[in-house]
Amino acid sequence: MFYNASITKRLQNSKKLGVQVVAEGIETHEQLEFLKNVGCDYIQGYIYSKPLPVPEFEEWENLR
């Protein structure tokens, strides 16, 4: 993918600065694996769940 080098460089620079990184909008296993492999700190998106109201989120969280 054309954006891999750019994302990798940004993550490396963030690590040098001591900044944690959140990747938003992740939808595919390919994206998830790439981000895990380059050391992304946090990942969120439809890969885990659609946006949920608080009560549904709490229920979802308790099932994990």
PDB file of N, CA and C in Angstrom:
ATOM      1  N   MET A   1       0.835  -1.183   0.000  1.00  0.00           N
ATOM      2  CA  MET A   1       0.000   0.000   0.000  1.00  0.00           C
ATOM      3  C   MET A   1       0.880   1.246   0.000  1.00  0.00           C
ATOM      4  N   PHE A   2       0.457   2.265  -0.701  1.00  0.00           N
ATOM      5  CA  PHE A   2       1.277   3.464  -0.859  1.00  0.00           C
ATOM      6  C   PHE A   2       1.460   4.242   0.427  1.00  0.00           C
ATOM      7  N   TYR A   3       0.553   4.112   1.379  1.00  0.00           N
ATOM      8  CA  TYR A   3       0.635   4.922   2.592  1.00  0.00           C
ATOM      9  C   TYR A   3       1.457   4.269   3.698  1.00  0.00           C
ATOM     10  N   ASN A   4       1.895   3.043   3.523  1.00  0.00           N
ATOM     11  CA  ASN A   4       2.620   2.341   4.580  1.00  0.00           C
ATOM     12  C   ASN A   4       3.873   3.083   5.031  1.00  0.00           C
ATOM     13  N   ALA A   5       4.670   3.583   4.094  1.00  0.00           N
ATOM     14  CA  ALA A   5       5.918   4.271   4.450  1.00  0.00           C
ATOM     15  C   ALA A   5       5.617   5.542   5.232  1.00  0.00           C
ATOM     16  N   SER A   6       4.620   6.272   4.824  1.00  0.00           N
ATOM     17  CA  SER A   6       4.255   7.514   5.496  1.00  0.00           C
ATOM     18  C   SER A   6       3.769   7.243   6.921  1.00  0.00           C
ATOM     19  N   ILE A   7       2.933   6.263   7.084  1.00  0.00           N
ATOM     20  CA  ILE A   7       2.411   5.925   8.408  1.00  0.00           C
ATOM     21  C   ILE A   7       3.537   5.412   9.296  1.00  0.00           C
ATOM     22  N   THR A   8       4.384   4.568   8.761  1.00  0.00           N
ATOM     23  CA  THR A   8       5.502   4.037   9.530  1.00  0.00           C
ATOM     24  C   THR A   8       6.397   5.169  10.026  1.00  0.00           C
ATOM     25  N   LYS A   9       6.718   6.112   9.159  1.00  0.00           N
ATOM     26  CA  LYS A   9       7.572   7.239   9.525  1.00  0.00           C
ATOM     27  C   LYS A   9       6.910   8.098  10.611  1.00  0.00           C
ATOM     28  N   ARG A  10       5.634   8.352  10.482  1.00  0.00           N
ATOM     29  CA  ARG A  10       4.922   9.145  11.492  1.00  0.00           C
ATOM     30  C   ARG A  10       4.911   8.441  12.851  1.00  0.00           C
ATOM     31  N   LEU A  11       4.714   7.138  12.834  1.00  0.00           N
ATOM     32  CA  LEU A  11       4.741   6.383  14.090  1.00  0.00           C
ATOM     33  C   LEU A  11       6.137   6.412  14.709  1.00  0.00           C
ATOM     34  N   GLN A  12       7.175   6.272  13.895  1.00  0.00           N
ATOM     35  CA  GLN A  12       8.545   6.335  14.404  1.00  0.00           C
ATOM     36  C   GLN A  12       8.827   7.698  15.035  1.00  0.00           C
ATOM     37  N   ASN A  13       8.408   8.761  14.362  1.00  0.00           N
ATOM     38  CA  ASN A  13       8.617  10.109  14.895  1.00  0.00           C
ATOM     39  C   ASN A  13       7.845  10.316  16.197  1.00  0.00           C
ATOM     40  N   SER A  14       6.632   9.782  16.264  1.00  0.00           N
ATOM     41  CA  SER A  14       5.830   9.898  17.484  1.00  0.00           C
ATOM     42  C   SER A  14       6.517   9.199  18.651  1.00  0.00           C
ATOM     43  N   LYS A  15       7.073   8.027  18.392  1.00  0.00           N
ATOM     44  CA  LYS A  15       7.774   7.276  19.438  1.00  0.00           C
ATOM     45  C   LYS A  15       8.976   8.071  19.940  1.00  0.00           C
ATOM     46  N   LYS A  16       9.709   8.697  19.019  1.00  0.00           N
ATOM     47  CA  LYS A  16      10.871   9.506  19.407  1.00  0.00           C
ATOM     48  C   LYS A  16      10.459  10.660  20.321  1.00  0.00           C
ATOM     49  N   LEU A  17       9.267  11.196  20.103  1.00  0.00           N
ATOM     50  CA  LEU A  17       8.767  12.309  20.903  1.00  0.00           C
ATOM     51  C   LEU A  17       8.049  11.845  22.174  1.00  0.00           C
ATOM     52  N   GLY A  18       7.873  10.540  22.322  1.00  0.00           N
ATOM     53  CA  GLY A  18       7.170  10.004  23.484  1.00  0.00           C
ATOM     54  C   GLY A  18       5.665  10.175  23.415  1.00  0.00           C
ATOM     55  N   VAL A  19       5.137  10.301  22.201  1.00  0.00           N
ATOM     56  CA  VAL A  19       3.706  10.512  21.993  1.00  0.00           C
ATOM     57  C   VAL A  19       3.047   9.177  21.648  1.00  0.00           C
ATOM     58  N   GLN A  20       1.933   8.888  22.300  1.00  0.00           N
ATOM     59  CA  GLN A  20       1.174   7.689  21.948  1.00  0.00           C
ATOM     60  C   GLN A  20       0.272   7.999  20.763  1.00  0.00           C
ATOM     61  N   VAL A  21       0.039   6.977  19.933  1.00  0.00           N
ATOM     62  CA  VAL A  21      -0.707   7.149  18.684  1.00  0.00           C
ATOM     63  C   VAL A  21      -1.982   6.331  18.704  1.00  0.00           C
ATOM     64  N   VAL A  22      -3.083   6.959  18.249  1.00  0.00           N
ATOM     65  CA  VAL A  22      -4.368   6.287  18.079  1.00  0.00           C
ATOM     66  C   VAL A  22      -4.694   6.270  16.595  1.00  0.00           C
ATOM     67  N   ALA A  23      -4.947   5.100  16.047  1.00  0.00           N
ATOM     68  CA  ALA A  23      -5.398   4.975  14.665  1.00  0.00           C
ATOM     69  C   ALA A  23      -6.918   4.844  14.688  1.00  0.00           C
ATOM     70  N   GLU A  24      -7.594   5.727  13.985  1.00  0.00           N
ATOM     71  CA  GLU A  24      -9.058   5.728  13.962  1.00  0.00           C
ATOM     72  C   GLU A  24      -9.563   5.251  12.606  1.00  0.00           C
ATOM     73  N   GLY A  25     -10.760   4.690  12.618  1.00  0.00           N
ATOM     74  CA  GLY A  25     -11.412   4.305  11.370  1.00  0.00           C
ATOM     75  C   GLY A  25     -10.882   3.022  10.756  1.00  0.00           C
ATOM     76  N   ILE A  26     -10.329   2.150  11.567  1.00  0.00           N
ATOM     77  CA  ILE A  26      -9.760   0.908  11.059  1.00  0.00           C
ATOM     78  C   ILE A  26     -10.891  -0.092  10.806  1.00  0.00           C
ATOM     79  N   GLU A  27     -10.900  -0.630   9.599  1.00  0.00           N
ATOM     80  CA  GLU A  27     -12.009  -1.501   9.199  1.00  0.00           C
ATOM     81  C   GLU A  27     -11.585  -2.893   8.746  1.00  0.00           C
ATOM     82  N   THR A  28     -10.336  -3.074   8.350  1.00  0.00           N
ATOM     83  CA  THR A  28      -9.939  -4.370   7.789  1.00  0.00           C
ATOM     84  C   THR A  28      -8.848  -5.024   8.630  1.00  0.00           C
ATOM     85  N   HIS A  29      -8.747  -6.345   8.504  1.00  0.00           N
ATOM     86  CA  HIS A  29      -7.700  -7.089   9.208  1.00  0.00           C
ATOM     87  C   HIS A  29      -6.325  -6.707   8.666  1.00  0.00           C
ATOM     88  N   GLU A  30      -6.248  -6.384   7.394  1.00  0.00           N
ATOM     89  CA  GLU A  30      -4.983  -5.952   6.801  1.00  0.00           C
ATOM     90  C   GLU A  30      -4.488  -4.666   7.476  1.00  0.00           C
ATOM     91  N   GLN A  31      -5.383  -3.706   7.653  1.00  0.00           N
ATOM     92  CA  GLN A  31      -5.016  -2.457   8.340  1.00  0.00           C
ATOM     93  C   GLN A  31      -4.609  -2.735   9.783  1.00  0.00           C
ATOM     94  N   LEU A  32      -5.379  -3.567  10.462  1.00  0.00           N
ATOM     95  CA  LEU A  32      -5.111  -3.903  11.857  1.00  0.00           C
ATOM     96  C   LEU A  32      -3.735  -4.536  12.020  1.00  0.00           C
ATOM     97  N   GLU A  33      -3.424  -5.520  11.215  1.00  0.00           N
ATOM     98  CA  GLU A  33      -2.137  -6.202  11.305  1.00  0.00           C
ATOM     99  C   GLU A  33      -0.979  -5.258  10.994  1.00  0.00           C
ATOM    100  N   PHE A  34      -1.148  -4.423   9.984  1.00  0.00           N
ATOM    101  CA  PHE A  34      -0.105  -3.462   9.637  1.00  0.00           C
ATOM    102  C   PHE A  34       0.172  -2.548  10.830  1.00  0.00           C
ATOM    103  N   LEU A  35      -0.870  -1.992  11.414  1.00  0.00           N
ATOM    104  CA  LEU A  35      -0.703  -1.059  12.526  1.00  0.00           C
ATOM    105  C   LEU A  35      -0.098  -1.729  13.754  1.00  0.00           C
ATOM    106  N   LYS A  36      -0.496  -2.950  14.028  1.00  0.00           N
ATOM    107  CA  LYS A  36       0.116  -3.691  15.136  1.00  0.00           C
ATOM    108  C   LYS A  36       1.604  -3.895  14.878  1.00  0.00           C
ATOM    109  N   ASN A  37       1.948  -4.260  13.647  1.00  0.00           N
ATOM    110  CA  ASN A  37       3.338  -4.549  13.297  1.00  0.00           C
ATOM    111  C   ASN A  37       4.237  -3.324  13.351  1.00  0.00           C
ATOM    112  N   VAL A  38       3.693  -2.145  13.125  1.00  0.00           N
ATOM    113  CA  VAL A  38       4.517  -0.933  13.167  1.00  0.00           C
ATOM    114  C   VAL A  38       4.439  -0.239  14.521  1.00  0.00           C
ATOM    115  N   GLY A  39       3.751  -0.845  15.482  1.00  0.00           N
ATOM    116  CA  GLY A  39       3.777  -0.353  16.857  1.00  0.00           C
ATOM    117  C   GLY A  39       2.764   0.715  17.212  1.00  0.00           C
ATOM    118  N   CYS A  40       1.626   0.742  16.535  1.00  0.00           N
ATOM    119  CA  CYS A  40       0.578   1.697  16.893  1.00  0.00           C
ATOM    120  C   CYS A  40       0.072   1.376  18.300  1.00  0.00           C
ATOM    121  N   ASP A  41      -0.089   2.414  19.121  1.00  0.00           N
ATOM    122  CA  ASP A  41      -0.457   2.204  20.521  1.00  0.00           C
ATOM    123  C   ASP A  41      -1.918   1.809  20.721  1.00  0.00           C
ATOM    124  N   TYR A  42      -2.817   2.470  20.006  1.00  0.00           N
ATOM    125  CA  TYR A  42      -4.249   2.213  20.157  1.00  0.00           C
ATOM    126  C   TYR A  42      -4.903   2.181  18.782  1.00  0.00           C
ATOM    127  N   ILE A  43      -5.887   1.315  18.636  1.00  0.00           N
ATOM    128  CA  ILE A  43      -6.588   1.155  17.361  1.00  0.00           C
ATOM    129  C   ILE A  43      -8.077   1.121  17.648  1.00  0.00           C
ATOM    130  N   GLN A  44      -8.825   1.885  16.880  1.00  0.00           N
ATOM    131  CA  GLN A  44     -10.278   1.857  17.037  1.00  0.00           C
ATOM    132  C   GLN A  44     -10.928   1.896  15.661  1.00  0.00           C
ATOM    133  N   GLY A  45     -12.146   1.415  15.609  1.00  0.00           N
ATOM    134  CA  GLY A  45     -12.887   1.439  14.363  1.00  0.00           C
ATOM    135  C   GLY A  45     -13.848   0.268  14.259  1.00  0.00           C
ATOM    136  N   TYR A  46     -14.459   0.154  13.107  1.00  0.00           N
ATOM    137  CA  TYR A  46     -15.442  -0.898  12.857  1.00  0.00           C
ATOM    138  C   TYR A  46     -14.837  -2.294  12.951  1.00  0.00           C
ATOM    139  N   ILE A  47     -13.511  -2.390  12.902  1.00  0.00           N
ATOM    140  CA  ILE A  47     -12.866  -3.693  13.057  1.00  0.00           C
ATOM    141  C   ILE A  47     -13.275  -4.325  14.395  1.00  0.00           C
ATOM    142  N   TYR A  48     -13.560  -3.474  15.383  1.00  0.00           N
ATOM    143  CA  TYR A  48     -13.978  -3.951  16.700  1.00  0.00           C
ATOM    144  C   TYR A  48     -15.478  -3.831  16.910  1.00  0.00           C
ATOM    145  N   SER A  49     -16.043  -2.676  16.546  1.00  0.00           N
ATOM    146  CA  SER A  49     -17.464  -2.458  16.783  1.00  0.00           C
ATOM    147  C   SER A  49     -17.913  -1.180  16.085  1.00  0.00           C
ATOM    148  N   LYS A  50     -19.185  -1.138  15.749  1.00  0.00           N
ATOM    149  CA  LYS A  50     -19.782   0.119  15.282  1.00  0.00           C
ATOM    150  C   LYS A  50     -19.892   1.061  16.481  1.00  0.00           C
ATOM    151  N   PRO A  51     -20.086   2.362  16.256  1.00  0.00           N
ATOM    152  CA  PRO A  51     -20.296   3.276  17.393  1.00  0.00           C
ATOM    153  C   PRO A  51     -21.525   2.834  18.191  1.00  0.00           C
ATOM    154  N   LEU A  52     -21.411   2.887  19.509  1.00  0.00           N
ATOM    155  CA  LEU A  52     -22.481   2.415  20.384  1.00  0.00           C
ATOM    156  C   LEU A  52     -22.859   3.466  21.415  1.00  0.00           C
ATOM    157  N   PRO A  53     -24.137   3.533  21.783  1.00  0.00           N
ATOM    158  CA  PRO A  53     -24.529   4.349  22.934  1.00  0.00           C
ATOM    159  C   PRO A  53     -23.885   3.757  24.197  1.00  0.00           C
ATOM    160  N   VAL A  54     -23.718   4.558  25.228  1.00  0.00           N
ATOM    161  CA  VAL A  54     -23.016   4.129  26.442  1.00  0.00           C
ATOM    162  C   VAL A  54     -23.563   2.819  27.012  1.00  0.00           C
ATOM    163  N   PRO A  55     -24.874   2.653  27.188  1.00  0.00           N
ATOM    164  CA  PRO A  55     -25.354   1.390  27.775  1.00  0.00           C
ATOM    165  C   PRO A  55     -24.966   0.163  26.928  1.00  0.00           C
ATOM    166  N   GLU A  56     -25.046   0.299  25.609  1.00  0.00           N
ATOM    167  CA  GLU A  56     -24.670  -0.824  24.739  1.00  0.00           C
ATOM    168  C   GLU A  56     -23.171  -1.070  24.788  1.00  0.00           C
ATOM    169  N   PHE A  57     -22.393   0.008  24.878  1.00  0.00           N
ATOM    170  CA  PHE A  57     -20.940  -0.150  24.989  1.00  0.00           C
ATOM    171  C   PHE A  57     -20.578  -0.891  26.272  1.00  0.00           C
ATOM    172  N   GLU A  58     -21.196  -0.506  27.365  1.00  0.00           N
ATOM    173  CA  GLU A  58     -20.913  -1.166  28.642  1.00  0.00           C
ATOM    174  C   GLU A  58     -21.250  -2.646  28.577  1.00  0.00           C
ATOM    175  N   GLU A  59     -22.357  -2.971  27.933  1.00  0.00           N
ATOM    176  CA  GLU A  59     -22.735  -4.378  27.764  1.00  0.00           C
ATOM    177  C   GLU A  59     -21.710  -5.101  26.894  1.00  0.00           C
ATOM    178  N   TRP A  60     -21.320  -4.472  25.796  1.00  0.00           N
ATOM    179  CA  TRP A  60     -20.319  -5.045  24.884  1.00  0.00           C
ATOM    180  C   TRP A  60     -18.998  -5.269  25.624  1.00  0.00           C
ATOM    181  N   GLU A  61     -18.591  -4.272  26.398  1.00  0.00           N
ATOM    182  CA  GLU A  61     -17.337  -4.361  27.136  1.00  0.00           C
ATOM    183  C   GLU A  61     -17.356  -5.507  28.154  1.00  0.00           C
ATOM    184  N   ASN A  62     -18.490  -5.712  28.799  1.00  0.00           N
ATOM    185  CA  ASN A  62     -18.607  -6.780  29.795  1.00  0.00           C
ATOM    186  C   ASN A  62     -18.574  -8.172  29.160  1.00  0.00           C
ATOM    187  N   LEU A  63     -18.899  -8.289  27.891  1.00  0.00           N
ATOM    188  CA  LEU A  63     -18.882  -9.572  27.195  1.00  0.00           C
ATOM    189  C   LEU A  63     -17.477  -9.977  26.750  1.00  0.00           C
ATOM    190  N   ARG A  64     -16.584  -9.019  26.725  1.00  0.00           N
ATOM    191  CA  ARG A  64     -15.221  -9.287  26.257  1.00  0.00           C
ATOM    192  C   ARG A  64     -14.406 -10.030  27.250  1.00  0.00           C
TER     193      ARG A  64
END
